[in-house]
Amino acid sequence: TAAAFSDASQQVEDWQQAWAERDIRLAWVVMPLGLTLVVLLVRVFFDGTAGSGIPLLSVGIELQDGDPNFVRVFSLRILFGKIL
């Protein structure tokens, strides 16, 4: 998993370098719009994914399997939002 994140990070860095070489103004438009899109997605579709997730994980460890809150803490939606 760490290797995949490293590869993805390197790919994004390569894209940023290509944008800067093509037209530096493009980076000044794409980056703020991308950040705005991520914030919007987190607030609208992935409520509960903001932050590092460490407090969420510590609560999740204390929950028993079958607890209704367990599903909310460890849902695929939350997982996808954290990866995003």
N, C-alpha and C. Protein backbone atom coordinates (compact mmCIF):
# COMPACT_ATOMS: atom_id res chain seq x y z
N THR A 1 0.82 -1.18 0.00
CA THR A 1 0.00 0.00 0.00
C THR A 1 0.87 1.25 0.00
N ALA A 2 1.91 1.26 0.80
CA ALA A 2 2.80 2.43 0.86
C ALA A 2 3.47 2.65 -0.49
N ALA A 3 3.83 1.58 -1.16
CA ALA A 3 4.46 1.70 -2.48
C ALA A 3 3.49 2.31 -3.49
N ALA A 4 2.22 1.92 -3.42
CA ALA A 4 1.22 2.47 -4.33
C ALA A 4 1.03 3.97 -4.08
N PHE A 5 0.98 4.38 -2.81
CA PHE A 5 0.87 5.80 -2.50
C PHE A 5 2.11 6.56 -2.96
N SER A 6 3.27 5.95 -2.83
CA SER A 6 4.51 6.58 -3.29
C SER A 6 4.48 6.77 -4.80
N ASP A 7 4.04 5.73 -5.52
CA ASP A 7 3.94 5.83 -6.98
C ASP A 7 2.94 6.90 -7.40
N ALA A 8 1.79 6.94 -6.73
CA ALA A 8 0.77 7.94 -7.04
C ALA A 8 1.29 9.35 -6.76
N SER A 9 2.00 9.52 -5.66
CA SER A 9 2.57 10.82 -5.31
C SER A 9 3.59 11.26 -6.36
N GLN A 10 4.39 10.33 -6.81
CA GLN A 10 5.39 10.64 -7.84
C GLN A 10 4.71 11.04 -9.15
N GLN A 11 3.62 10.35 -9.49
CA GLN A 11 2.87 10.67 -10.71
C GLN A 11 2.29 12.08 -10.64
N VAL A 12 1.71 12.44 -9.50
CA VAL A 12 1.16 13.79 -9.33
C VAL A 12 2.26 14.83 -9.42
N GLU A 13 3.40 14.55 -8.83
CA GLU A 13 4.53 15.47 -8.90
C GLU A 13 5.00 15.66 -10.34
N ASP A 14 5.03 14.58 -11.11
CA ASP A 14 5.40 14.67 -12.52
C ASP A 14 4.40 15.51 -13.30
N TRP A 15 3.09 15.35 -13.01
CA TRP A 15 2.06 16.16 -13.67
C TRP A 15 2.24 17.64 -13.33
N GLN A 16 2.51 17.91 -12.06
CA GLN A 16 2.71 19.30 -11.65
C GLN A 16 3.90 19.92 -12.36
N GLN A 17 4.96 19.16 -12.51
CA GLN A 17 6.15 19.65 -13.20
C GLN A 17 5.83 19.92 -14.67
N ALA A 18 5.05 19.04 -15.29
CA ALA A 18 4.66 19.23 -16.68
C ALA A 18 3.80 20.48 -16.84
N TRP A 19 2.88 20.73 -15.90
CA TRP A 19 2.05 21.94 -15.93
C TRP A 19 2.92 23.18 -15.82
N ALA A 20 3.87 23.15 -14.91
CA ALA A 20 4.72 24.31 -14.69
C ALA A 20 5.58 24.60 -15.92
N GLU A 21 6.03 23.56 -16.59
CA GLU A 21 6.83 23.76 -17.80
C GLU A 21 5.97 24.28 -18.95
N ARG A 22 4.73 23.84 -19.00
CA ARG A 22 3.83 24.26 -20.08
C ARG A 22 3.37 25.71 -19.89
N ASP A 23 2.81 25.98 -18.72
CA ASP A 23 2.34 27.34 -18.41
C ASP A 23 2.15 27.41 -16.90
N ILE A 24 2.95 28.21 -16.23
CA ILE A 24 2.93 28.29 -14.77
C ILE A 24 1.58 28.75 -14.26
N ARG A 25 0.85 29.54 -15.06
CA ARG A 25 -0.46 30.01 -14.62
C ARG A 25 -1.46 28.87 -14.48
N LEU A 26 -1.27 27.80 -15.26
CA LEU A 26 -2.17 26.65 -15.18
C LEU A 26 -2.12 26.03 -13.78
N ALA A 27 -0.95 25.94 -13.20
CA ALA A 27 -0.82 25.39 -11.84
C ALA A 27 -1.56 26.26 -10.83
N TRP A 28 -1.58 27.57 -11.04
CA TRP A 28 -2.27 28.49 -10.13
C TRP A 28 -3.78 28.36 -10.23
N VAL A 29 -4.27 27.76 -11.30
CA VAL A 29 -5.71 27.54 -11.46
C VAL A 29 -6.10 26.13 -11.02
N VAL A 30 -5.34 25.14 -11.45
CA VAL A 30 -5.68 23.73 -11.19
C VAL A 30 -5.60 23.39 -9.71
N MET A 31 -4.55 23.83 -9.04
CA MET A 31 -4.38 23.45 -7.62
C MET A 31 -5.49 23.99 -6.72
N PRO A 32 -5.83 25.28 -6.78
CA PRO A 32 -6.92 25.75 -5.92
C PRO A 32 -8.27 25.11 -6.27
N LEU A 33 -8.53 24.91 -7.56
CA LEU A 33 -9.78 24.27 -7.94
C LEU A 33 -9.83 22.82 -7.46
N GLY A 34 -8.71 22.12 -7.54
CA GLY A 34 -8.65 20.74 -7.06
C GLY A 34 -8.87 20.65 -5.56
N LEU A 35 -8.25 21.55 -4.81
CA LEU A 35 -8.44 21.57 -3.36
C LEU A 35 -9.89 21.90 -3.01
N THR A 36 -10.47 22.83 -3.73
CA THR A 36 -11.88 23.18 -3.50
C THR A 36 -12.78 21.98 -3.77
N LEU A 37 -12.50 21.24 -4.84
CA LEU A 37 -13.27 20.04 -5.16
C LEU A 37 -13.16 18.99 -4.06
N VAL A 38 -11.96 18.77 -3.55
CA VAL A 38 -11.77 17.79 -2.48
C VAL A 38 -12.52 18.20 -1.22
N VAL A 39 -12.45 19.47 -0.85
CA VAL A 39 -13.16 19.95 0.34
C VAL A 39 -14.67 19.78 0.15
N LEU A 40 -15.17 20.11 -1.02
CA LEU A 40 -16.59 19.95 -1.31
C LEU A 40 -17.02 18.49 -1.23
N LEU A 41 -16.23 17.60 -1.80
CA LEU A 41 -16.55 16.17 -1.74
C LEU A 41 -16.57 15.65 -0.30
N VAL A 42 -15.59 16.08 0.50
CA VAL A 42 -15.53 15.63 1.89
C VAL A 42 -16.75 16.12 2.67
N ARG A 43 -17.12 17.36 2.47
CA ARG A 43 -18.24 17.93 3.24
C ARG A 43 -19.59 17.41 2.79
N VAL A 44 -19.76 17.13 1.49
CA VAL A 44 -21.07 16.73 0.98
C VAL A 44 -21.25 15.22 0.98
N PHE A 45 -20.27 14.49 0.46
CA PHE A 45 -20.44 13.04 0.26
C PHE A 45 -19.75 12.18 1.31
N PHE A 46 -18.71 12.68 1.94
CA PHE A 46 -17.92 11.85 2.84
C PHE A 46 -17.86 12.46 4.23
N ASP A 47 -19.01 12.80 4.79
CA ASP A 47 -19.06 13.37 6.13
C ASP A 47 -18.46 12.38 7.13
N GLY A 48 -17.58 12.84 7.95
CA GLY A 48 -16.94 11.98 8.93
C GLY A 48 -15.53 11.57 8.53
N THR A 49 -15.05 12.04 7.38
CA THR A 49 -13.71 11.65 6.94
C THR A 49 -12.66 12.73 7.19
N ALA A 50 -13.06 13.88 7.68
CA ALA A 50 -12.09 14.96 7.92
C ALA A 50 -11.18 14.58 9.08
N GLY A 51 -9.96 15.04 9.02
CA GLY A 51 -9.00 14.78 10.09
C GLY A 51 -8.14 13.57 9.81
N SER A 52 -7.30 13.23 10.78
CA SER A 52 -6.34 12.15 10.59
C SER A 52 -6.96 10.77 10.69
N GLY A 53 -8.05 10.65 11.45
CA GLY A 53 -8.69 9.36 11.63
C GLY A 53 -8.22 8.60 12.85
N ILE A 54 -7.22 9.11 13.54
CA ILE A 54 -6.70 8.41 14.73
C ILE A 54 -7.76 8.33 15.83
N PRO A 55 -8.46 9.45 16.17
CA PRO A 55 -9.51 9.32 17.19
C PRO A 55 -10.63 8.38 16.74
N LEU A 56 -10.95 8.40 15.47
CA LEU A 56 -11.98 7.51 14.94
C LEU A 56 -11.56 6.05 15.09
N LEU A 57 -10.31 5.76 14.82
CA LEU A 57 -9.81 4.41 14.96
C LEU A 57 -9.82 3.95 16.42
N SER A 58 -9.46 4.83 17.35
CA SER A 58 -9.46 4.44 18.76
C SER A 58 -10.87 4.15 19.25
N VAL A 59 -11.86 4.90 18.77
CA VAL A 59 -13.25 4.61 19.12
C VAL A 59 -13.67 3.29 18.47
N GLY A 60 -13.28 3.09 17.24
CA GLY A 60 -13.64 1.87 16.53
C GLY A 60 -13.10 0.61 17.17
N ILE A 61 -11.93 0.71 17.77
CA ILE A 61 -11.34 -0.45 18.44
C ILE A 61 -12.18 -0.85 19.64
N GLU A 62 -12.77 0.13 20.32
CA GLU A 62 -13.59 -0.15 21.50
C GLU A 62 -14.97 -0.68 21.16
N LEU A 63 -15.43 -0.44 19.93
CA LEU A 63 -16.76 -0.90 19.54
C LEU A 63 -16.76 -2.41 19.29
N GLN A 64 -17.86 -3.04 19.59
CA GLN A 64 -18.03 -4.46 19.34
C GLN A 64 -18.60 -4.66 17.94
N ASP A 65 -18.22 -5.74 17.30
CA ASP A 65 -18.80 -6.07 16.00
C ASP A 65 -20.31 -6.28 16.19
N GLY A 66 -21.11 -5.67 15.35
CA GLY A 66 -22.55 -5.73 15.49
C GLY A 66 -23.14 -4.45 16.05
N ASP A 67 -22.30 -3.62 16.66
CA ASP A 67 -22.76 -2.32 17.15
C ASP A 67 -23.11 -1.45 15.94
N PRO A 68 -24.25 -0.76 15.96
CA PRO A 68 -24.64 0.08 14.82
C PRO A 68 -23.60 1.15 14.47
N ASN A 69 -22.90 1.64 15.47
CA ASN A 69 -21.88 2.65 15.20
C ASN A 69 -20.63 2.06 14.54
N PHE A 70 -20.41 0.75 14.69
CA PHE A 70 -19.27 0.09 14.08
C PHE A 70 -19.32 0.23 12.56
N VAL A 71 -20.51 0.02 12.01
CA VAL A 71 -20.68 0.12 10.55
C VAL A 71 -20.45 1.56 10.09
N ARG A 72 -20.89 2.52 10.87
CA ARG A 72 -20.69 3.93 10.49
C ARG A 72 -19.22 4.30 10.52
N VAL A 73 -18.48 3.79 11.49
CA VAL A 73 -17.07 4.13 11.62
C VAL A 73 -16.23 3.44 10.55
N PHE A 74 -16.57 2.19 10.23
CA PHE A 74 -15.76 1.41 9.30
C PHE A 74 -16.51 1.08 8.01
N SER A 75 -17.21 2.05 7.45
CA SER A 75 -17.94 1.81 6.21
C SER A 75 -17.01 1.99 5.00
N LEU A 76 -17.39 1.43 3.86
CA LEU A 76 -16.62 1.60 2.64
C LEU A 76 -16.64 3.05 2.18
N ARG A 77 -17.72 3.75 2.45
CA ARG A 77 -17.81 5.17 2.08
C ARG A 77 -16.73 5.97 2.82
N ILE A 78 -16.59 5.70 4.13
CA ILE A 78 -15.58 6.39 4.93
C ILE A 78 -14.17 6.01 4.42
N LEU A 79 -13.96 4.74 4.12
CA LEU A 79 -12.69 4.28 3.62
C LEU A 79 -12.33 4.98 2.31
N PHE A 80 -13.27 5.04 1.38
CA PHE A 80 -13.02 5.70 0.10
C PHE A 80 -12.75 7.18 0.30
N GLY A 81 -13.51 7.82 1.17
CA GLY A 81 -13.30 9.24 1.46
C GLY A 81 -11.94 9.52 2.07
N LYS A 82 -11.44 8.62 2.92
CA LYS A 82 -10.12 8.78 3.52
C LYS A 82 -9.03 8.65 2.45
N ILE A 83 -9.22 7.73 1.52
CA ILE A 83 -8.23 7.55 0.46
C ILE A 83 -8.22 8.76 -0.46
N LEU A 84 -9.41 9.29 -0.73
CA LEU A 84 -9.51 10.46 -1.60
C LEU A 84 -8.77 11.62 -0.98
